[in-house]
Amino acid sequence: TLNFTHDNLKVASIEQAAEVIMRAKTTLIIGLGNSQSIALDMQHKLLRLGLNAVSICDTHIQTIRASFLSEDDCVFAISHSGSSRDIVSCAELARKQGATIISLTDIGTSPLNEIADIKLYTASKETKYRIVAIDSRIAQLTLIGCIYTIIATRKPEVVEGFRKIEKALKTKKY
C-alpha cells in the first residue's frame, strides 16, 4: 500500500495542504469510523505545532462547527471511500462558508474529491480484500506525518513550542 501510494503521490498537493493548514485560523479535521482515529492523530500533531486544530467525531457538532468557518479556515476531511454522506455534507457546508477543503481519500473519484480544493490520495486495495482498514490507515498516517514534517520544518518557532510542551507534560509523569 505504501509503494502504491508513493507511486500515485502528488508532492505538490501535500505541500499545498501544509501551506493552507499553516495559514489557517482553524483547521477542522473530520472523519468517522476508522477515519476518526486518523483525525485525532492529526489534531494531536497540529496542536504540537502550535496550530489551532480541532477534530470532532459527532456529526451534529461537526456541522455546527462548519457553520462558523470562514475563508480563513480549512477543513481536512478524511474518508477512505470519499463517500461518507456526513463527511461530504459537512465539507460542502464549510465550503459555502468559504473554507478551503482538503480531502484525504483512497485514489479515484468520489463525492468528497469532487468538492475538495486539495485532494490527497492513498492507494490501497484494502476495500477489495477487507483487511480491517490497516493498510489504508498506515498510508493515511504516513501522509499526515509528511504534512506534519513539512510544517515543522517551515516554522522555526515550533522548536521552542516543543520545549514548552515537554516542560508542561513533565508534570504528567512520575
N, C-alpha and C. Protein backbone atom coordinates (compact mmCIF):
# COMPACT_ATOMS: atom_id res chain seq x y z
N THR A 1 0.82 -1.20 0.00
CA THR A 1 0.00 0.00 0.00
C THR A 1 0.86 1.25 0.00
N LEU A 2 1.93 1.25 0.79
CA LEU A 2 2.80 2.43 0.81
C LEU A 2 3.47 2.65 -0.54
N ASN A 3 3.93 1.58 -1.17
CA ASN A 3 4.53 1.72 -2.50
C ASN A 3 3.50 2.20 -3.52
N PHE A 4 2.30 1.65 -3.45
CA PHE A 4 1.22 2.04 -4.36
C PHE A 4 0.85 3.50 -4.14
N THR A 5 0.78 3.91 -2.87
CA THR A 5 0.50 5.31 -2.55
C THR A 5 1.62 6.21 -3.06
N HIS A 6 2.86 5.82 -2.81
CA HIS A 6 4.01 6.60 -3.27
C HIS A 6 3.97 6.80 -4.77
N ASP A 7 3.66 5.74 -5.50
CA ASP A 7 3.64 5.82 -6.97
C ASP A 7 2.55 6.73 -7.50
N ASN A 8 1.53 6.97 -6.71
CA ASN A 8 0.41 7.82 -7.13
C ASN A 8 0.41 9.17 -6.42
N LEU A 9 1.47 9.45 -5.68
CA LEU A 9 1.55 10.64 -4.86
C LEU A 9 1.81 11.91 -5.68
N LYS A 10 1.16 12.98 -5.28
CA LYS A 10 1.42 14.29 -5.87
C LYS A 10 2.00 15.16 -4.76
N VAL A 11 3.32 15.29 -4.77
CA VAL A 11 4.03 16.03 -3.73
C VAL A 11 3.52 17.47 -3.64
N ALA A 12 3.22 18.07 -4.78
CA ALA A 12 2.74 19.46 -4.77
C ALA A 12 1.45 19.58 -3.96
N SER A 13 0.60 18.57 -4.00
CA SER A 13 -0.66 18.61 -3.23
C SER A 13 -0.38 18.54 -1.73
N ILE A 14 0.59 17.74 -1.34
CA ILE A 14 0.93 17.64 0.09
C ILE A 14 1.50 18.98 0.56
N GLU A 15 2.38 19.58 -0.23
CA GLU A 15 2.95 20.86 0.15
C GLU A 15 1.88 21.95 0.20
N GLN A 16 0.96 21.92 -0.75
CA GLN A 16 -0.13 22.89 -0.77
C GLN A 16 -1.01 22.72 0.47
N ALA A 17 -1.31 21.49 0.83
CA ALA A 17 -2.11 21.23 2.03
C ALA A 17 -1.41 21.76 3.27
N ALA A 18 -0.11 21.52 3.37
CA ALA A 18 0.66 22.01 4.52
C ALA A 18 0.60 23.54 4.60
N GLU A 19 0.75 24.21 3.47
CA GLU A 19 0.69 25.68 3.44
C GLU A 19 -0.67 26.20 3.89
N VAL A 20 -1.73 25.59 3.41
CA VAL A 20 -3.08 26.02 3.79
C VAL A 20 -3.29 25.83 5.28
N ILE A 21 -2.87 24.69 5.81
CA ILE A 21 -3.04 24.41 7.24
C ILE A 21 -2.22 25.39 8.08
N MET A 22 -1.00 25.70 7.63
CA MET A 22 -0.16 26.66 8.38
C MET A 22 -0.80 28.03 8.45
N ARG A 23 -1.47 28.46 7.37
CA ARG A 23 -2.08 29.79 7.33
C ARG A 23 -3.48 29.84 7.95
N ALA A 24 -4.11 28.69 8.11
CA ALA A 24 -5.50 28.66 8.57
C ALA A 24 -5.62 29.16 10.00
N LYS A 25 -6.68 29.92 10.22
CA LYS A 25 -7.01 30.34 11.58
C LYS A 25 -7.41 29.10 12.39
N THR A 26 -8.23 28.26 11.80
CA THR A 26 -8.66 27.00 12.40
C THR A 26 -8.63 25.91 11.35
N THR A 27 -8.17 24.73 11.75
CA THR A 27 -8.28 23.54 10.90
C THR A 27 -9.26 22.60 11.57
N LEU A 28 -10.40 22.39 10.93
CA LEU A 28 -11.39 21.44 11.40
C LEU A 28 -11.10 20.11 10.72
N ILE A 29 -10.83 19.09 11.51
CA ILE A 29 -10.48 17.77 10.98
C ILE A 29 -11.66 16.85 11.23
N ILE A 30 -12.19 16.28 10.15
CA ILE A 30 -13.37 15.43 10.30
C ILE A 30 -13.12 14.05 9.70
N GLY A 31 -13.62 13.06 10.39
CA GLY A 31 -13.56 11.68 9.95
C GLY A 31 -14.48 10.87 10.84
N LEU A 32 -15.00 9.81 10.30
CA LEU A 32 -15.92 8.94 11.06
C LEU A 32 -15.41 7.50 10.99
N GLY A 33 -15.82 6.69 11.95
CA GLY A 33 -15.41 5.28 11.94
C GLY A 33 -13.90 5.16 12.04
N ASN A 34 -13.31 4.35 11.16
CA ASN A 34 -11.85 4.17 11.16
C ASN A 34 -11.11 5.49 10.92
N SER A 35 -11.71 6.38 10.16
CA SER A 35 -11.05 7.65 9.85
C SER A 35 -10.99 8.59 11.05
N GLN A 36 -11.83 8.37 12.06
CA GLN A 36 -11.82 9.24 13.23
C GLN A 36 -10.52 9.13 14.01
N SER A 37 -9.97 7.93 14.13
CA SER A 37 -8.70 7.80 14.86
C SER A 37 -7.57 8.51 14.11
N ILE A 38 -7.65 8.53 12.79
CA ILE A 38 -6.66 9.25 11.99
C ILE A 38 -6.83 10.75 12.22
N ALA A 39 -8.09 11.21 12.27
CA ALA A 39 -8.37 12.63 12.52
C ALA A 39 -7.83 13.06 13.88
N LEU A 40 -8.00 12.23 14.89
CA LEU A 40 -7.48 12.56 16.23
C LEU A 40 -5.96 12.62 16.24
N ASP A 41 -5.32 11.73 15.50
CA ASP A 41 -3.87 11.76 15.41
C ASP A 41 -3.40 13.05 14.75
N MET A 42 -4.10 13.46 13.71
CA MET A 42 -3.74 14.70 13.03
C MET A 42 -3.92 15.90 13.97
N GLN A 43 -5.03 15.92 14.71
CA GLN A 43 -5.25 17.01 15.67
C GLN A 43 -4.07 17.08 16.64
N HIS A 44 -3.68 15.95 17.18
CA HIS A 44 -2.57 15.89 18.12
C HIS A 44 -1.30 16.47 17.52
N LYS A 45 -0.99 16.08 16.30
CA LYS A 45 0.23 16.57 15.64
C LYS A 45 0.16 18.09 15.40
N LEU A 46 -0.97 18.57 14.92
CA LEU A 46 -1.09 20.01 14.65
C LEU A 46 -1.06 20.83 15.93
N LEU A 47 -1.67 20.33 16.99
CA LEU A 47 -1.61 21.04 18.27
C LEU A 47 -0.17 21.13 18.77
N ARG A 48 0.61 20.08 18.58
CA ARG A 48 2.02 20.10 18.98
C ARG A 48 2.82 21.13 18.18
N LEU A 49 2.31 21.50 17.00
CA LEU A 49 2.97 22.52 16.19
C LEU A 49 2.47 23.92 16.55
N GLY A 50 1.57 24.00 17.53
CA GLY A 50 1.05 25.29 17.95
C GLY A 50 -0.07 25.81 17.06
N LEU A 51 -0.65 24.94 16.27
CA LEU A 51 -1.73 25.35 15.37
C LEU A 51 -3.09 25.10 16.02
N ASN A 52 -4.08 25.87 15.60
CA ASN A 52 -5.43 25.71 16.11
C ASN A 52 -6.13 24.63 15.29
N ALA A 53 -6.21 23.45 15.86
CA ALA A 53 -6.80 22.30 15.17
C ALA A 53 -7.81 21.63 16.09
N VAL A 54 -8.91 21.20 15.51
CA VAL A 54 -9.93 20.51 16.28
C VAL A 54 -10.48 19.35 15.46
N SER A 55 -10.58 18.20 16.11
CA SER A 55 -11.16 17.02 15.49
C SER A 55 -12.44 16.69 16.24
N ILE A 56 -13.51 16.55 15.48
CA ILE A 56 -14.82 16.30 16.08
C ILE A 56 -15.40 15.04 15.45
N CYS A 57 -15.92 14.14 16.30
CA CYS A 57 -16.46 12.89 15.76
C CYS A 57 -17.99 12.89 15.70
N ASP A 58 -18.64 13.76 16.41
CA ASP A 58 -20.10 13.85 16.39
C ASP A 58 -20.52 14.66 15.16
N THR A 59 -21.38 14.07 14.33
CA THR A 59 -21.74 14.73 13.07
C THR A 59 -22.53 16.02 13.28
N HIS A 60 -23.29 16.10 14.34
CA HIS A 60 -24.03 17.34 14.60
C HIS A 60 -23.07 18.46 15.00
N ILE A 61 -22.09 18.11 15.85
CA ILE A 61 -21.10 19.11 16.27
C ILE A 61 -20.22 19.51 15.08
N GLN A 62 -19.89 18.55 14.23
CA GLN A 62 -19.14 18.88 13.01
C GLN A 62 -19.88 19.93 12.18
N THR A 63 -21.17 19.72 12.03
CA THR A 63 -22.00 20.64 11.24
C THR A 63 -22.07 22.01 11.89
N ILE A 64 -22.26 22.03 13.20
CA ILE A 64 -22.30 23.31 13.91
C ILE A 64 -20.98 24.05 13.74
N ARG A 65 -19.88 23.34 13.93
CA ARG A 65 -18.55 23.96 13.81
C ARG A 65 -18.32 24.47 12.39
N ALA A 66 -18.71 23.69 11.39
CA ALA A 66 -18.54 24.08 9.98
C ALA A 66 -19.35 25.33 9.66
N SER A 67 -20.46 25.51 10.34
CA SER A 67 -21.32 26.67 10.11
C SER A 67 -20.63 27.99 10.42
N PHE A 68 -19.61 27.94 11.28
CA PHE A 68 -18.93 29.15 11.71
C PHE A 68 -17.55 29.33 11.09
N LEU A 69 -17.20 28.49 10.13
CA LEU A 69 -15.92 28.64 9.46
C LEU A 69 -15.98 29.78 8.46
N SER A 70 -14.80 30.22 8.02
CA SER A 70 -14.73 31.31 7.04
C SER A 70 -13.59 31.02 6.06
N GLU A 71 -13.32 32.00 5.21
CA GLU A 71 -12.24 31.85 4.23
C GLU A 71 -10.87 31.79 4.89
N ASP A 72 -10.81 32.09 6.18
CA ASP A 72 -9.55 32.00 6.92
C ASP A 72 -9.30 30.60 7.48
N ASP A 73 -10.23 29.69 7.27
CA ASP A 73 -10.19 28.36 7.87
C ASP A 73 -10.06 27.27 6.81
N CYS A 74 -9.78 26.06 7.29
CA CYS A 74 -9.79 24.92 6.37
C CYS A 74 -10.40 23.71 7.05
N VAL A 75 -10.87 22.80 6.23
CA VAL A 75 -11.40 21.52 6.69
C VAL A 75 -10.51 20.44 6.09
N PHE A 76 -10.06 19.54 6.94
CA PHE A 76 -9.30 18.38 6.50
C PHE A 76 -10.24 17.20 6.67
N ALA A 77 -10.81 16.73 5.56
CA ALA A 77 -11.84 15.69 5.58
C ALA A 77 -11.23 14.35 5.21
N ILE A 78 -11.35 13.38 6.11
CA ILE A 78 -10.76 12.05 5.92
C ILE A 78 -11.88 11.04 5.72
N SER A 79 -11.83 10.35 4.60
CA SER A 79 -12.80 9.29 4.31
C SER A 79 -12.16 8.36 3.29
N HIS A 80 -11.90 7.14 3.68
CA HIS A 80 -11.26 6.20 2.76
C HIS A 80 -12.05 6.09 1.46
N SER A 81 -13.35 5.96 1.57
CA SER A 81 -14.18 5.83 0.37
C SER A 81 -14.44 7.17 -0.31
N GLY A 82 -14.40 8.25 0.48
CA GLY A 82 -14.75 9.56 -0.05
C GLY A 82 -16.24 9.70 -0.27
N SER A 83 -17.00 8.76 0.25
CA SER A 83 -18.44 8.72 0.01
C SER A 83 -19.29 8.78 1.27
N SER A 84 -18.69 9.09 2.41
CA SER A 84 -19.45 9.21 3.64
C SER A 84 -20.34 10.45 3.56
N ARG A 85 -21.65 10.25 3.59
CA ARG A 85 -22.59 11.36 3.44
C ARG A 85 -22.35 12.48 4.45
N ASP A 86 -22.13 12.11 5.70
CA ASP A 86 -21.95 13.13 6.74
C ASP A 86 -20.68 13.94 6.52
N ILE A 87 -19.62 13.29 6.11
CA ILE A 87 -18.36 14.00 5.86
C ILE A 87 -18.51 14.92 4.66
N VAL A 88 -19.12 14.42 3.60
CA VAL A 88 -19.30 15.22 2.38
C VAL A 88 -20.20 16.42 2.67
N SER A 89 -21.30 16.22 3.38
CA SER A 89 -22.22 17.33 3.64
C SER A 89 -21.57 18.38 4.54
N CYS A 90 -20.76 17.96 5.51
CA CYS A 90 -20.06 18.91 6.37
C CYS A 90 -19.04 19.71 5.55
N ALA A 91 -18.32 19.03 4.68
CA ALA A 91 -17.35 19.72 3.83
C ALA A 91 -18.05 20.69 2.88
N GLU A 92 -19.19 20.30 2.35
CA GLU A 92 -19.95 21.20 1.47
C GLU A 92 -20.37 22.46 2.22
N LEU A 93 -20.86 22.29 3.44
CA LEU A 93 -21.27 23.43 4.26
C LEU A 93 -20.08 24.36 4.52
N ALA A 94 -18.95 23.78 4.89
CA ALA A 94 -17.75 24.59 5.15
C ALA A 94 -17.30 25.32 3.90
N ARG A 95 -17.41 24.68 2.78
CA ARG A 95 -17.03 25.31 1.50
C ARG A 95 -17.92 26.51 1.22
N LYS A 96 -19.22 26.38 1.51
CA LYS A 96 -20.15 27.51 1.33
C LYS A 96 -19.78 28.68 2.22
N GLN A 97 -19.15 28.39 3.36
CA GLN A 97 -18.71 29.44 4.28
C GLN A 97 -17.39 30.06 3.83
N GLY A 98 -16.77 29.47 2.81
CA GLY A 98 -15.51 30.00 2.28
C GLY A 98 -14.27 29.24 2.69
N ALA A 99 -14.41 28.22 3.52
CA ALA A 99 -13.26 27.45 3.98
C ALA A 99 -12.65 26.64 2.84
N THR A 100 -11.35 26.43 2.92
CA THR A 100 -10.65 25.56 1.97
C THR A 100 -10.85 24.12 2.41
N ILE A 101 -11.16 23.25 1.45
CA ILE A 101 -11.41 21.84 1.75
C ILE A 101 -10.25 21.00 1.25
N ILE A 102 -9.67 20.21 2.17
CA ILE A 102 -8.62 19.26 1.84
C ILE A 102 -9.20 17.87 2.08
N SER A 103 -9.14 17.02 1.07
CA SER A 103 -9.66 15.66 1.25
C SER A 103 -8.51 14.67 1.31
N LEU A 104 -8.70 13.63 2.11
CA LEU A 104 -7.78 12.50 2.17
C LEU A 104 -8.62 11.25 1.96
N THR A 105 -8.51 10.68 0.77
CA THR A 105 -9.31 9.52 0.40
C THR A 105 -8.44 8.50 -0.32
N ASP A 106 -9.03 7.36 -0.60
CA ASP A 106 -8.39 6.40 -1.48
C ASP A 106 -8.43 6.97 -2.89
N ILE A 107 -7.49 6.58 -3.71
CA ILE A 107 -7.40 7.12 -5.06
C ILE A 107 -8.66 6.80 -5.87
N GLY A 108 -9.08 7.74 -6.67
CA GLY A 108 -10.25 7.56 -7.51
C GLY A 108 -11.24 8.69 -7.32
N THR A 109 -12.32 8.61 -8.04
CA THR A 109 -13.33 9.65 -7.94
C THR A 109 -14.26 9.34 -6.77
N SER A 110 -14.74 10.42 -6.16
CA SER A 110 -15.68 10.28 -5.05
C SER A 110 -16.39 11.61 -4.86
N PRO A 111 -17.53 11.60 -4.18
CA PRO A 111 -18.22 12.86 -3.91
C PRO A 111 -17.36 13.85 -3.12
N LEU A 112 -16.55 13.35 -2.18
CA LEU A 112 -15.70 14.25 -1.39
C LEU A 112 -14.64 14.90 -2.28
N ASN A 113 -14.02 14.13 -3.14
CA ASN A 113 -12.99 14.68 -4.01
C ASN A 113 -13.55 15.69 -5.01
N GLU A 114 -14.80 15.53 -5.37
CA GLU A 114 -15.42 16.47 -6.31
C GLU A 114 -15.52 17.88 -5.73
N ILE A 115 -15.63 17.99 -4.41
CA ILE A 115 -15.78 19.33 -3.80
C ILE A 115 -14.51 19.84 -3.16
N ALA A 116 -13.47 18.99 -3.06
CA ALA A 116 -12.23 19.38 -2.39
C ALA A 116 -11.40 20.32 -3.25
N ASP A 117 -10.78 21.29 -2.57
CA ASP A 117 -9.84 22.19 -3.24
C ASP A 117 -8.49 21.52 -3.42
N ILE A 118 -8.10 20.73 -2.43
CA ILE A 118 -6.84 20.00 -2.46
C ILE A 118 -7.16 18.54 -2.20
N LYS A 119 -6.69 17.68 -3.07
CA LYS A 119 -7.00 16.25 -2.97
C LYS A 119 -5.74 15.46 -2.65
N LEU A 120 -5.77 14.74 -1.54
CA LEU A 120 -4.68 13.85 -1.17
C LEU A 120 -5.20 12.42 -1.26
N TYR A 121 -4.38 11.55 -1.83
CA TYR A 121 -4.83 10.18 -2.05
C TYR A 121 -3.90 9.16 -1.43
N THR A 122 -4.49 8.13 -0.87
CA THR A 122 -3.76 6.91 -0.57
C THR A 122 -4.17 5.93 -1.66
N ALA A 123 -3.42 4.87 -1.78
CA ALA A 123 -3.74 3.87 -2.80
C ALA A 123 -3.66 2.50 -2.16
N SER A 124 -4.83 1.94 -1.89
CA SER A 124 -4.90 0.67 -1.18
C SER A 124 -5.94 -0.22 -1.84
N LYS A 125 -5.62 -1.48 -1.93
CA LYS A 125 -6.59 -2.45 -2.45
C LYS A 125 -7.38 -3.08 -1.30
N GLU A 126 -7.26 -2.46 -0.14
CA GLU A 126 -7.86 -2.98 1.07
C GLU A 126 -9.37 -3.18 0.97
N THR A 127 -10.06 -2.25 0.35
CA THR A 127 -11.51 -2.38 0.24
C THR A 127 -11.87 -3.67 -0.47
N LYS A 128 -11.08 -4.03 -1.44
CA LYS A 128 -11.31 -5.26 -2.19
C LYS A 128 -11.13 -6.48 -1.30
N TYR A 129 -10.10 -6.44 -0.43
CA TYR A 129 -9.76 -7.61 0.38
C TYR A 129 -10.31 -7.57 1.80
N ARG A 130 -10.87 -6.44 2.24
CA ARG A 130 -11.47 -6.30 3.57
C ARG A 130 -10.51 -6.69 4.69
N ILE A 131 -9.37 -6.02 4.76
CA ILE A 131 -8.34 -6.35 5.75
C ILE A 131 -8.40 -5.38 6.93
N VAL A 132 -9.53 -5.13 7.48
CA VAL A 132 -9.73 -4.35 8.69
C VAL A 132 -9.07 -2.96 8.65
N ALA A 133 -8.95 -2.37 7.53
CA ALA A 133 -8.50 -0.98 7.38
C ALA A 133 -7.08 -0.71 7.84
N ILE A 134 -6.26 -1.71 8.00
CA ILE A 134 -4.90 -1.47 8.47
C ILE A 134 -4.06 -0.79 7.39
N ASP A 135 -4.10 -1.29 6.18
CA ASP A 135 -3.27 -0.73 5.11
C ASP A 135 -3.59 0.74 4.86
N SER A 136 -4.85 1.06 4.71
CA SER A 136 -5.22 2.45 4.41
C SER A 136 -4.86 3.36 5.57
N ARG A 137 -5.01 2.88 6.79
CA ARG A 137 -4.68 3.70 7.97
C ARG A 137 -3.19 4.03 8.01
N ILE A 138 -2.36 3.05 7.71
CA ILE A 138 -0.92 3.30 7.69
C ILE A 138 -0.58 4.32 6.62
N ALA A 139 -1.19 4.20 5.45
CA ALA A 139 -0.93 5.16 4.38
C ALA A 139 -1.43 6.55 4.77
N GLN A 140 -2.61 6.64 5.39
CA GLN A 140 -3.14 7.93 5.82
C GLN A 140 -2.23 8.56 6.87
N LEU A 141 -1.80 7.78 7.84
CA LEU A 141 -0.91 8.30 8.88
C LEU A 141 0.42 8.76 8.28
N THR A 142 0.89 8.07 7.27
CA THR A 142 2.13 8.46 6.61
C THR A 142 1.98 9.82 5.93
N LEU A 143 0.88 10.04 5.23
CA LEU A 143 0.66 11.34 4.58
C LEU A 143 0.52 12.45 5.62
N ILE A 144 -0.17 12.17 6.70
CA ILE A 144 -0.30 13.17 7.76
C ILE A 144 1.07 13.45 8.39
N GLY A 145 1.88 12.42 8.55
CA GLY A 145 3.24 12.62 9.04
C GLY A 145 4.06 13.49 8.11
N CYS A 146 3.85 13.34 6.81
CA CYS A 146 4.55 14.20 5.83
C CYS A 146 4.12 15.66 6.00
N ILE A 147 2.81 15.88 6.14
CA ILE A 147 2.31 17.25 6.34
C ILE A 147 2.90 17.84 7.62
N TYR A 148 2.91 17.06 8.68
CA TYR A 148 3.47 17.49 9.96
C TYR A 148 4.94 17.90 9.79
N THR A 149 5.70 17.08 9.11
CA THR A 149 7.13 17.34 8.92
C THR A 149 7.35 18.60 8.10
N ILE A 150 6.57 18.78 7.04
CA ILE A 150 6.70 19.98 6.22
C ILE A 150 6.44 21.23 7.06
N ILE A 151 5.36 21.21 7.83
CA ILE A 151 5.03 22.37 8.66
C ILE A 151 6.12 22.60 9.70
N ALA A 152 6.56 21.53 10.36
CA ALA A 152 7.58 21.67 11.41
C ALA A 152 8.87 22.27 10.86
N THR A 153 9.24 21.91 9.65
CA THR A 153 10.49 22.43 9.09
C THR A 153 10.34 23.86 8.56
N ARG A 154 9.13 24.29 8.32
CA ARG A 154 8.90 25.65 7.80
C ARG A 154 8.54 26.65 8.89
N LYS A 155 8.35 26.18 10.10
CA LYS A 155 8.01 27.07 11.22
C LYS A 155 9.10 26.94 12.28
N PRO A 156 10.12 27.80 12.23
CA PRO A 156 11.23 27.67 13.19
C PRO A 156 10.78 27.80 14.65
N GLU A 157 9.69 28.50 14.89
CA GLU A 157 9.23 28.70 16.27
C GLU A 157 8.70 27.42 16.92
N VAL A 158 8.51 26.36 16.14
CA VAL A 158 7.99 25.13 16.74
C VAL A 158 9.00 24.49 17.69
N VAL A 159 10.28 24.73 17.50
CA VAL A 159 11.28 24.16 18.40
C VAL A 159 11.05 24.65 19.82
N GLU A 160 10.81 25.95 19.98
CA GLU A 160 10.51 26.49 21.30
C GLU A 160 9.19 25.92 21.82
N GLY A 161 8.23 25.75 20.93
CA GLY A 161 6.96 25.14 21.31
C GLY A 161 7.14 23.72 21.82
N PHE A 162 8.01 22.95 21.18
CA PHE A 162 8.28 21.59 21.64
C PHE A 162 8.84 21.60 23.06
N ARG A 163 9.72 22.57 23.33
CA ARG A 163 10.29 22.69 24.68
C ARG A 163 9.20 23.01 25.71
N LYS A 164 8.30 23.91 25.35
CA LYS A 164 7.19 24.26 26.25
C LYS A 164 6.32 23.04 26.53
N ILE A 165 6.01 22.30 25.48
CA ILE A 165 5.16 21.11 25.63
C ILE A 165 5.83 20.09 26.55
N GLU A 166 7.10 19.81 26.30
CA GLU A 166 7.80 18.83 27.13
C GLU A 166 7.85 19.26 28.59
N LYS A 167 8.07 20.53 28.81
CA LYS A 167 8.10 21.05 30.18
C LYS A 167 6.72 20.89 30.84
N ALA A 168 5.68 21.24 30.10
CA ALA A 168 4.32 21.13 30.65
C ALA A 168 3.93 19.68 30.88
N LEU A 169 4.36 18.79 30.01
CA LEU A 169 3.99 17.37 30.14
C LEU A 169 4.77 16.64 31.21
N LYS A 170 5.88 17.22 31.68
CA LYS A 170 6.66 16.58 32.74
C LYS A 170 5.82 16.37 33.99
N THR A 171 4.87 17.25 34.21
CA THR A 171 4.01 17.12 35.39
C THR A 171 3.07 15.93 35.28
N LYS A 172 2.96 15.36 34.10
CA LYS A 172 2.07 14.21 33.88
C LYS A 172 2.76 12.87 34.08
N LYS A 173 4.08 12.92 34.39
CA LYS A 173 4.85 11.68 34.54
C LYS A 173 5.42 11.58 35.95
N TYR A 174 5.66 10.37 36.38
CA TYR A 174 6.29 10.14 37.70
C TYR A 174 7.78 10.14 37.55
